[in-house]
Amino acid sequence: MAKAKTAYVCTECGAEHSKWQGQCIECGVWNTLSAIVLTPASATNASMNAQRSNYAGNAAGAARITPLTAVALTTEARTLTGIGELDRVLGGGLVQGSVVLIGGDPGIGKSTLLLQMLGTLGAHLPSVYVTGEESLSQVASRAQRLGLPLEPLQALAETCIERILEQAMATRPRVLVIDSIQTIWTELLAAAPGSVSQVRESAAKLTRFAKETGTSVFLVGHVTKDGGIAGPRVLEHMVDAVLYFEGESGSRFRILRAFKNRFGAVNELGVFAMSDKGLREVPNPSAIFLSAHSGPTSGSAVMVTREGTRPLLVEVQALVDQSSLGNPRRVALGLEQNRLAMLLAVLHRHGGVAAYDQDVFVNVVGGIRVQETAADLPVLLAVLSSLRDRPLPEQTIAFGEVGLSGEIRPVPNGEERLKEAATHGFKRAIVPKANAPKKGRVGEMEVIGVERLAEAIDACR
């Protein structure tokens, strides 16, 4: 048998190197090379062929090139999980043979959500919860605390991928949960569990198992201190969907966002509230992102953002204060900080309002991250309101992208945003002129279309 060799793989781009070095020569990132043990090809192929012979649905003979016109185009069958917000993020439910990766900070609710899902699915769909971090008694205790029925729940405490697949082939589950992928290891490699090679090989086996048997697989992924999923970057490319849990540590609200989804919309959002009985759905997410002020408040602006297929009302708060430092602070929570600095420069150049000697703090209420440019206009209006200590007109919403020359650019789905604001009782909207309706109204809400930043500032007086 050939002697096993060691290679060094970049956790960012997956490039292999023959020896360790501080910087990856492919992507240029520092300190990302991890050692992996290369198993001889003969041993690897023998093991893979043995496993493939056990998988159901393995077609005999070699694969052949097939024209797409000969492929039956049928809509993929979806199974509802019983949790509406999770179904929304997945694109309408579980797809047969899909692999979903769920990441998030420790204790944010990844295991709780998946256990609740199996509690509702287990009654009519065979499922197995594989735990590599807890004992079976701990899993049963948590399920009992959440008020879930124990009869349909089946669990397995195992970390070896070969034994997990062996049990899965014997019981034939339709849903398989792996908690977590960083604890799983394969006998083919000598590396420690959680290493780049172990995570990549274990995920590859589970993906192959899902595609060949039609089992829906959920993988729980640990996150690094930077917020990314631990392990090789190729892990996110192998799966069909990547979901992230977001939320502030002191808040009871949790946001599940789809960063990748082959079967649905990207950036789709699901909102949950953590309680003593686990995660429960929030039927009206806009309500939690709007603060209940007793009266008009300076430094506050309401915008309509669109996450996936859902328009949401979000409050943007700004605090502008005289800076005692030579370099004033620019702090943005829920927004990109570099974009805030750019918007302040546009406000000075085209709005005639200087904030170069002021500390500027901007926060999106509720812990949500706004990643679209429609937040530009409400951010500037909130900053201007705080700087002048003058509240914006009551029941006013705004959205629009602000260009470097001071123009207000239109954003997608403007009509849906306006209808959502009118539904919640807002009476006035400041939007790009291209997004404004011809009648100038949506229901009882007045819509003011603006083309320049100066026009938007004048509309707030």
Protein backbone atom coordinates (compact mmCIF):
# COMPACT_ATOMS: atom_id res chain seq x y z
CA MET A 1 0.00 0.00 0.00
CA ALA A 2 1.26 3.47 -0.87
CA LYS A 3 2.34 5.65 2.02
CA ALA A 4 -0.09 8.40 3.05
CA LYS A 5 1.09 11.92 2.34
CA THR A 6 0.34 15.26 3.96
CA ALA A 7 -0.91 18.31 2.09
CA TYR A 8 -1.96 21.78 3.21
CA VAL A 9 -5.36 23.11 2.14
CA CYS A 10 -6.56 26.72 2.31
CA THR A 11 -9.77 27.01 4.32
CA GLU A 12 -10.88 30.01 2.24
CA CYS A 13 -10.46 28.87 -1.36
CA GLY A 14 -9.62 25.16 -1.02
CA ALA A 15 -6.28 25.39 -2.85
CA GLU A 16 -3.78 22.66 -1.99
CA HIS A 17 -0.09 23.27 -1.22
CA SER A 18 2.73 20.78 -0.83
CA LYS A 19 4.15 22.54 2.23
CA TRP A 20 2.96 24.97 4.86
CA GLN A 21 3.37 28.69 4.32
CA GLY A 22 1.93 31.78 5.91
CA GLN A 23 -0.04 33.04 2.89
CA CYS A 24 -2.14 31.17 0.34
CA ILE A 25 -0.71 31.91 -3.09
CA GLU A 26 -4.14 31.48 -4.74
CA CYS A 27 -6.37 33.85 -2.72
CA GLY A 28 -3.71 35.81 -0.83
CA VAL A 29 -5.25 35.26 2.64
CA TRP A 30 -2.88 34.76 5.57
CA ASN A 31 -2.85 31.89 8.09
CA THR A 32 -5.51 29.76 6.39
CA LEU A 33 -3.50 26.60 5.54
CA SER A 34 -4.45 23.45 7.44
CA ALA A 35 -2.79 20.04 7.19
CA ILE A 36 -4.71 17.09 5.74
CA VAL A 37 -3.69 13.48 5.28
CA LEU A 38 -4.02 12.23 1.71
CA THR A 39 -5.36 8.68 1.69
CA PRO A 40 -4.04 6.37 -1.03
CA ALA A 41 -6.40 6.30 -4.01
CA SER A 42 -6.80 2.51 -3.95
CA ALA A 43 -8.12 2.47 -0.39
CA THR A 44 -10.39 5.43 -0.98
CA ASN A 45 -11.89 4.02 -4.18
CA ALA A 46 -12.50 0.63 -2.59
CA SER A 47 -14.39 2.18 0.30
CA MET A 48 -16.42 4.46 -1.97
CA ASN A 49 -17.40 1.60 -4.27
CA ALA A 50 -18.50 -0.46 -1.28
CA GLN A 51 -20.71 2.33 -0.01
CA ARG A 52 -22.18 3.10 -3.42
CA SER A 53 -23.26 -0.51 -3.80
CA ASN A 54 -25.35 -0.14 -0.63
CA TYR A 55 -27.12 3.07 -1.65
CA ALA A 56 -30.63 2.72 -3.02
CA GLY A 57 -31.30 3.91 -6.50
CA ASN A 58 -27.76 3.36 -7.77
CA ALA A 59 -28.18 2.90 -11.51
CA ALA A 60 -26.18 0.17 -13.17
CA GLY A 61 -23.69 1.04 -15.84
CA ALA A 62 -21.70 4.19 -16.55
CA ALA A 63 -23.23 7.64 -16.74
CA ARG A 64 -24.15 8.91 -20.19
CA ILE A 65 -24.54 12.36 -21.73
CA THR A 66 -28.25 13.24 -21.93
CA PRO A 67 -29.82 16.22 -23.73
CA LEU A 68 -31.91 18.36 -21.40
CA THR A 69 -34.88 18.07 -23.77
CA ALA A 70 -35.06 14.39 -22.83
CA VAL A 71 -35.18 15.15 -19.10
CA ALA A 72 -38.62 15.21 -17.53
CA LEU A 73 -39.14 18.73 -16.18
CA THR A 74 -41.25 18.19 -13.10
CA THR A 75 -41.63 20.55 -10.16
CA GLU A 76 -39.76 19.26 -7.15
CA ALA A 77 -42.09 17.88 -4.50
CA ARG A 78 -41.90 19.79 -1.23
CA THR A 79 -42.80 18.67 2.26
CA LEU A 80 -43.96 21.24 4.80
CA THR A 81 -41.99 21.14 8.04
CA GLY A 82 -44.86 22.48 10.15
CA ILE A 83 -42.86 25.65 10.95
CA GLY A 84 -44.05 28.37 8.58
CA GLU A 85 -41.03 30.68 8.90
CA LEU A 86 -38.63 27.80 8.22
CA ASP A 87 -40.67 26.75 5.18
CA ARG A 88 -40.49 30.34 3.88
CA VAL A 89 -36.69 30.46 4.18
CA LEU A 90 -36.33 27.04 2.53
CA GLY A 91 -38.41 28.26 -0.43
CA GLY A 92 -41.68 26.53 0.38
CA GLY A 93 -40.68 23.40 2.29
CA LEU A 94 -38.26 20.49 2.22
CA VAL A 95 -37.02 19.24 -1.14
CA GLN A 96 -36.30 15.55 -1.49
CA GLY A 97 -32.57 14.85 -1.50
CA SER A 98 -31.55 18.39 -0.49
CA VAL A 99 -28.65 19.21 1.84
CA VAL A 100 -29.10 22.26 4.09
CA LEU A 101 -26.33 23.82 6.19
CA ILE A 102 -27.43 25.86 9.24
CA GLY A 103 -24.89 28.06 11.02
CA GLY A 104 -25.02 30.54 13.87
CA ASP A 105 -23.50 31.57 17.17
CA PRO A 106 -23.48 29.09 20.08
CA GLY A 107 -26.82 28.95 21.90
CA ILE A 108 -28.75 30.92 19.28
CA GLY A 109 -31.21 28.07 18.62
CA LYS A 110 -29.92 25.86 15.78
CA SER A 111 -30.42 22.54 17.60
CA THR A 112 -33.69 23.73 19.13
CA LEU A 113 -35.18 24.62 15.76
CA LEU A 114 -34.20 21.32 14.14
CA LEU A 115 -35.49 19.29 17.09
CA GLN A 116 -38.80 21.16 16.91
CA MET A 117 -38.93 20.45 13.17
CA LEU A 118 -38.42 16.72 13.74
CA GLY A 119 -41.09 16.81 16.45
CA THR A 120 -43.66 17.93 13.88
CA LEU A 121 -42.31 15.85 10.98
CA GLY A 122 -41.70 12.61 12.87
CA ALA A 123 -45.38 11.71 13.07
CA HIS A 124 -45.71 11.25 9.28
CA LEU A 125 -42.11 11.24 7.99
CA PRO A 126 -39.36 8.93 9.33
CA SER A 127 -36.49 11.04 10.67
CA VAL A 128 -33.31 10.62 12.71
CA TYR A 129 -31.48 13.18 14.87
CA VAL A 130 -27.76 12.40 14.98
CA THR A 131 -25.93 14.11 17.82
CA GLY A 132 -22.17 14.24 18.17
CA GLU A 133 -22.08 16.75 21.03
CA GLU A 134 -24.75 15.53 23.46
CA SER A 135 -25.86 12.26 24.96
CA LEU A 136 -29.24 10.74 24.15
CA SER A 137 -30.51 11.60 27.64
CA GLN A 138 -29.66 15.28 27.05
CA VAL A 139 -31.53 15.28 23.73
CA ALA A 140 -34.55 13.59 25.34
CA SER A 141 -34.49 16.05 28.24
CA ARG A 142 -34.45 19.04 25.88
CA ALA A 143 -37.28 17.60 23.78
CA GLN A 144 -39.35 17.08 26.93
CA ARG A 145 -38.63 20.64 28.10
CA LEU A 146 -39.80 21.95 24.71
CA GLY A 147 -43.04 20.01 25.06
CA LEU A 148 -42.37 17.79 22.04
CA PRO A 149 -43.82 14.28 21.74
CA LEU A 150 -41.06 11.72 22.33
CA GLU A 151 -42.71 8.82 20.45
CA PRO A 152 -41.90 9.93 16.85
CA LEU A 153 -38.39 11.18 17.69
CA GLN A 154 -35.49 8.88 16.91
CA ALA A 155 -31.93 9.81 17.87
CA LEU A 156 -28.44 8.43 17.37
CA ALA A 157 -25.31 9.37 19.35
CA GLU A 158 -22.47 8.73 16.91
CA THR A 159 -19.62 10.63 15.27
CA CYS A 160 -18.23 8.11 12.76
CA ILE A 161 -19.71 8.80 9.33
CA GLU A 162 -19.46 5.17 8.22
CA ARG A 163 -21.53 3.98 11.19
CA ILE A 164 -24.04 6.80 10.73
CA LEU A 165 -24.61 5.89 7.09
CA GLU A 166 -24.85 2.22 8.03
CA GLN A 167 -27.64 2.98 10.49
CA ALA A 168 -29.31 5.29 7.98
CA MET A 169 -29.34 2.56 5.35
CA ALA A 170 -30.96 0.20 7.84
CA THR A 171 -33.71 2.56 9.02
CA ARG A 172 -34.25 4.51 5.76
CA PRO A 173 -35.14 7.93 7.23
CA ARG A 174 -36.53 10.66 4.99
CA VAL A 175 -34.96 13.44 7.09
CA LEU A 176 -31.51 13.21 8.66
CA VAL A 177 -30.11 15.87 11.03
CA ILE A 178 -26.37 15.97 11.79
CA ASP A 179 -25.48 18.03 14.88
CA SER A 180 -22.81 19.03 14.13
CA ILE A 181 -20.70 18.43 11.02
CA GLN A 182 -17.53 19.54 12.86
CA THR A 183 -17.78 16.52 15.20
CA ILE A 184 -18.10 13.94 12.40
CA TRP A 185 -15.06 11.97 11.25
CA THR A 186 -14.31 9.23 8.72
CA GLU A 187 -12.15 6.16 9.15
CA LEU A 188 -10.43 6.84 5.83
CA LEU A 189 -8.48 9.81 7.23
CA ALA A 190 -6.15 10.04 10.20
CA ALA A 191 -6.82 13.75 10.86
CA ALA A 192 -8.66 14.90 13.97
CA PRO A 193 -12.43 15.58 13.86
CA GLY A 194 -13.16 19.16 12.89
CA SER A 195 -10.13 19.47 10.63
CA VAL A 196 -10.48 20.63 7.03
CA SER A 197 -10.08 17.16 5.56
CA GLN A 198 -12.52 15.49 7.96
CA VAL A 199 -15.24 18.11 7.49
CA ARG A 200 -14.89 18.07 3.72
CA GLU A 201 -14.88 14.28 3.37
CA SER A 202 -17.74 13.75 5.84
CA ALA A 203 -19.87 16.39 4.11
CA ALA A 204 -19.12 14.83 0.73
CA LYS A 205 -20.32 11.42 1.94
CA LEU A 206 -23.50 12.87 3.38
CA THR A 207 -24.19 14.85 0.19
CA ARG A 208 -23.68 11.74 -1.94
CA PHE A 209 -25.97 9.78 0.38
CA ALA A 210 -28.70 12.45 0.14
CA LYS A 211 -28.61 12.61 -3.66
CA GLU A 212 -28.63 8.84 -4.18
CA THR A 213 -31.32 8.00 -1.59
CA GLY A 214 -33.53 11.10 -1.70
CA THR A 215 -33.02 11.80 2.01
CA SER A 216 -33.19 15.44 3.14
CA VAL A 217 -30.09 16.17 5.23
CA PHE A 218 -29.60 19.07 7.66
CA LEU A 219 -26.07 19.91 8.78
CA VAL A 220 -25.42 22.09 11.83
CA GLY A 221 -22.21 24.09 11.40
CA HIS A 222 -20.07 25.81 14.02
CA VAL A 223 -19.01 29.39 13.34
CA THR A 224 -15.64 31.04 13.84
CA LYS A 225 -14.99 34.24 15.77
CA ASP A 226 -15.36 36.13 12.47
CA GLY A 227 -18.89 34.78 11.97
CA GLY A 228 -18.13 32.34 9.12
CA ILE A 229 -18.82 28.62 9.23
CA ALA A 230 -15.81 26.71 10.53
CA GLY A 231 -14.06 24.36 8.13
CA PRO A 232 -13.28 24.62 4.43
CA ARG A 233 -15.08 27.18 2.31
CA VAL A 234 -15.91 24.42 -0.14
CA LEU A 235 -18.43 23.13 2.44
CA GLU A 236 -20.82 25.93 1.52
CA HIS A 237 -20.43 25.14 -2.18
CA MET A 238 -21.28 21.45 -1.69
CA VAL A 239 -24.67 21.96 -0.02
CA ASP A 240 -27.92 23.13 -1.61
CA ALA A 241 -28.79 25.81 0.94
CA VAL A 242 -26.89 27.81 3.56
CA LEU A 243 -28.95 29.32 6.39
CA TYR A 244 -27.59 31.62 9.09
CA PHE A 245 -29.11 32.48 12.46
CA GLU A 246 -28.71 36.15 13.35
CA GLY A 247 -29.68 38.14 16.40
CA GLU A 248 -28.34 40.22 19.24
CA SER A 249 -27.12 38.33 22.29
CA GLY A 250 -29.47 40.19 24.65
CA SER A 251 -32.54 39.98 22.41
CA ARG A 252 -35.04 37.16 22.39
CA PHE A 253 -35.67 37.53 18.67
CA ARG A 254 -33.85 35.33 16.17
CA ILE A 255 -33.58 35.90 12.42
CA LEU A 256 -32.98 32.99 10.03
CA ARG A 257 -31.61 34.19 6.70
CA ALA A 258 -30.90 32.21 3.51
CA PHE A 259 -27.50 33.15 2.04
CA LYS A 260 -27.67 30.41 -0.58
CA ASN A 261 -30.64 28.42 -1.81
CA ARG A 262 -30.86 26.37 -4.97
CA PHE A 263 -34.59 25.88 -4.46
CA GLY A 264 -35.74 29.34 -3.37
CA ALA A 265 -35.00 33.03 -3.00
CA VAL A 266 -31.68 34.19 -1.56
CA ASN A 267 -31.82 36.56 1.45
CA GLU A 268 -35.23 35.20 2.41
CA LEU A 269 -35.95 35.96 6.06
CA GLY A 270 -37.65 34.05 8.86
CA VAL A 271 -38.27 35.64 12.25
CA PHE A 272 -38.53 33.69 15.52
CA ALA A 273 -38.86 34.55 19.19
CA MET A 274 -37.06 32.45 21.81
CA SER A 275 -39.25 31.35 24.72
CA ASP A 276 -39.13 28.72 27.46
CA LYS A 277 -40.88 26.37 25.02
CA GLY A 278 -38.34 26.89 22.23
CA LEU A 279 -38.58 29.01 19.12
CA ARG A 280 -41.96 30.32 18.07
CA GLU A 281 -42.85 32.13 14.86
CA VAL A 282 -43.40 35.89 14.73
CA PRO A 283 -46.49 36.48 12.54
CA ASN A 284 -45.90 40.24 12.09
CA PRO A 285 -42.13 40.85 11.89
CA SER A 286 -42.52 44.56 11.10
CA ALA A 287 -43.89 45.13 14.61
CA ILE A 288 -40.67 44.05 16.33
CA PHE A 289 -38.49 46.29 14.15
CA LEU A 290 -40.48 49.44 14.99
CA SER A 291 -40.00 51.11 18.37
CA ALA A 292 -43.10 52.30 20.19
CA HIS A 293 -42.36 55.98 20.79
CA SER A 294 -44.78 57.99 22.90
CA GLY A 295 -44.29 60.95 20.57
CA PRO A 296 -42.16 62.28 17.71
CA THR A 297 -38.45 61.49 18.28
CA SER A 298 -35.48 63.08 16.58
CA GLY A 299 -32.97 60.80 14.89
CA SER A 300 -35.52 58.17 13.90
CA ALA A 301 -36.64 57.22 10.38
CA VAL A 302 -38.73 54.31 9.14
CA MET A 303 -37.85 52.51 5.92
CA VAL A 304 -39.32 49.62 3.94
CA THR A 305 -36.69 47.00 3.19
CA ARG A 306 -37.24 43.88 1.13
CA GLU A 307 -35.73 40.61 2.32
CA GLY A 308 -36.25 37.82 -0.17
CA THR A 309 -39.94 37.96 -1.08
CA ARG A 310 -41.07 39.84 2.02
CA PRO A 311 -41.24 43.64 2.51
CA LEU A 312 -40.46 44.69 6.10
CA LEU A 313 -40.82 47.97 7.95
CA VAL A 314 -37.60 48.74 9.79
CA GLU A 315 -36.68 51.67 12.01
CA VAL A 316 -33.28 53.31 11.53
CA GLN A 317 -31.98 55.35 14.45
CA ALA A 318 -29.13 57.86 14.33
CA LEU A 319 -27.29 59.80 17.02
CA VAL A 320 -25.10 62.74 16.04
CA ASP A 321 -23.01 64.39 18.74
CA GLN A 322 -20.13 66.85 18.93
CA SER A 323 -16.87 64.88 18.74
CA SER A 324 -14.06 65.44 21.23
CA LEU A 325 -11.63 63.44 19.10
CA GLY A 326 -9.49 64.55 16.23
CA ASN A 327 -10.97 61.75 14.14
CA PRO A 328 -14.78 61.59 14.69
CA ARG A 329 -16.29 58.14 15.08
CA ARG A 330 -18.50 56.46 12.50
CA VAL A 331 -20.33 53.47 13.98
CA ALA A 332 -22.96 51.47 12.06
CA LEU A 333 -24.87 48.51 13.51
CA GLY A 334 -26.90 46.57 10.95
CA LEU A 335 -25.43 48.58 8.06
CA GLU A 336 -22.13 48.71 6.21
CA GLN A 337 -19.84 51.20 7.93
CA ASN A 338 -18.00 52.25 4.76
CA ARG A 339 -21.31 53.12 3.12
CA LEU A 340 -22.21 55.33 6.09
CA ALA A 341 -19.01 57.32 5.60
CA MET A 342 -19.81 57.69 1.90
CA LEU A 343 -23.36 58.88 2.61
CA LEU A 344 -22.11 61.50 5.07
CA ALA A 345 -19.81 62.87 2.36
CA VAL A 346 -22.77 63.06 -0.07
CA LEU A 347 -24.83 64.83 2.61
CA HIS A 348 -22.10 67.45 2.97
CA ARG A 349 -21.41 67.92 -0.73
CA HIS A 350 -24.97 67.88 -2.12
CA GLY A 351 -27.10 68.58 0.95
CA GLY A 352 -25.07 71.41 2.44
CA VAL A 353 -24.98 69.71 5.87
CA ALA A 354 -21.53 69.16 7.40
CA ALA A 355 -20.90 66.36 9.91
CA TYR A 356 -17.12 66.10 9.65
CA ASP A 357 -16.69 67.24 13.30
CA GLN A 358 -19.51 65.05 14.66
CA ASP A 359 -19.62 61.50 15.99
CA VAL A 360 -22.25 59.60 14.04
CA PHE A 361 -23.86 56.41 15.37
CA VAL A 362 -26.45 54.53 13.28
CA ASN A 363 -28.42 51.49 14.43
CA VAL A 364 -31.09 49.30 12.83
CA VAL A 365 -33.68 48.39 15.47
CA GLY A 366 -34.27 44.70 16.17
CA GLY A 367 -30.82 43.39 15.30
CA ILE A 368 -31.60 42.95 11.59
CA ARG A 369 -28.88 43.52 9.00
CA VAL A 370 -29.97 45.64 6.03
CA GLN A 371 -27.89 44.74 2.99
CA GLU A 372 -29.65 46.70 0.25
CA THR A 373 -29.11 50.27 -0.92
CA ALA A 374 -32.72 51.28 -0.25
CA ALA A 375 -31.57 52.25 3.26
CA ASP A 376 -29.47 55.18 1.96
CA LEU A 377 -32.20 57.83 2.04
CA PRO A 378 -33.69 56.95 5.47
CA VAL A 379 -30.19 56.82 6.99
CA LEU A 380 -29.44 60.34 5.78
CA LEU A 381 -32.82 61.62 6.96
CA ALA A 382 -32.27 60.07 10.41
CA VAL A 383 -28.79 61.65 10.62
CA LEU A 384 -30.18 65.03 9.57
CA SER A 385 -33.01 64.74 12.12
CA SER A 386 -30.58 64.00 14.94
CA LEU A 387 -28.16 66.73 13.92
CA ARG A 388 -30.91 69.38 13.89
CA ASP A 389 -32.72 67.79 16.87
CA ARG A 390 -35.92 67.99 14.84
CA PRO A 391 -38.17 64.92 14.40
CA LEU A 392 -39.30 63.89 10.95
CA PRO A 393 -43.00 64.37 10.14
CA GLU A 394 -45.17 61.77 11.85
CA GLN A 395 -46.26 58.60 10.03
CA THR A 396 -43.58 59.06 7.35
CA ILE A 397 -41.57 56.34 5.64
CA ALA A 398 -38.71 56.64 3.16
CA PHE A 399 -36.57 54.46 0.94
CA GLY A 400 -34.22 55.02 -1.97
CA GLU A 401 -30.61 54.71 -3.10
CA VAL A 402 -28.46 57.84 -2.95
CA GLY A 403 -25.82 58.28 -5.66
CA LEU A 404 -22.50 60.07 -5.32
CA SER A 405 -23.79 63.00 -7.37
CA GLY A 406 -26.76 63.47 -5.01
CA GLU A 407 -29.40 61.80 -7.19
CA ILE A 408 -32.05 59.54 -5.65
CA ARG A 409 -32.11 56.27 -7.57
CA PRO A 410 -35.09 53.89 -7.72
CA VAL A 411 -35.07 50.51 -5.98
CA PRO A 412 -36.78 47.24 -7.00
CA ASN A 413 -40.37 46.41 -5.98
CA GLY A 414 -41.28 49.96 -5.05
CA GLU A 415 -45.03 49.35 -5.39
CA GLU A 416 -44.97 46.44 -2.93
CA ARG A 417 -43.01 48.51 -0.42
CA LEU A 418 -45.56 51.33 -0.61
CA LYS A 419 -48.49 48.95 -0.18
CA GLU A 420 -46.83 47.42 2.90
CA ALA A 421 -46.38 50.88 4.44
CA ALA A 422 -49.97 51.86 3.67
CA THR A 423 -51.19 48.63 5.29
CA HIS A 424 -49.47 49.63 8.55
CA GLY A 425 -51.15 53.04 8.60
CA PHE A 426 -48.40 55.36 7.34
CA LYS A 427 -49.68 58.59 5.81
CA ARG A 428 -46.62 59.93 3.96
CA ALA A 429 -43.79 58.44 1.90
CA ILE A 430 -40.62 60.02 0.50
CA VAL A 431 -39.37 57.80 -2.33
CA PRO A 432 -37.45 58.04 -5.62
CA LYS A 433 -39.53 59.68 -8.33
CA ALA A 434 -39.30 56.57 -10.51
CA ASN A 435 -40.93 54.53 -7.72
CA ALA A 436 -43.76 57.01 -7.10
CA PRO A 437 -47.18 56.18 -8.60
CA LYS A 438 -48.66 58.56 -11.17
CA LYS A 439 -51.58 59.45 -8.92
CA GLY A 440 -49.23 60.45 -6.11
CA ARG A 441 -51.08 58.30 -3.59
CA VAL A 442 -51.36 54.71 -2.47
CA GLY A 443 -54.68 54.39 -0.70
CA GLU A 444 -54.72 57.23 1.84
CA MET A 445 -50.93 57.57 1.89
CA GLU A 446 -49.37 60.56 0.13
CA VAL A 447 -46.31 59.66 -1.93
CA ILE A 448 -43.68 62.34 -2.61
CA GLY A 449 -41.28 61.49 -5.45
CA VAL A 450 -37.84 63.14 -5.32
CA GLU A 451 -34.94 63.16 -7.75
CA ARG A 452 -32.24 64.96 -5.73
CA LEU A 453 -31.11 64.80 -2.12
CA ALA A 454 -31.96 68.48 -1.63
CA GLU A 455 -35.59 67.76 -2.61
CA ALA A 456 -35.79 64.96 -0.01
CA ILE A 457 -34.44 67.29 2.68
CA ASP A 458 -36.99 69.96 1.75
CA ALA A 459 -39.81 67.37 1.89
CA CYS A 460 -38.98 66.69 5.58
CA ARG A 461 -39.53 70.27 6.71
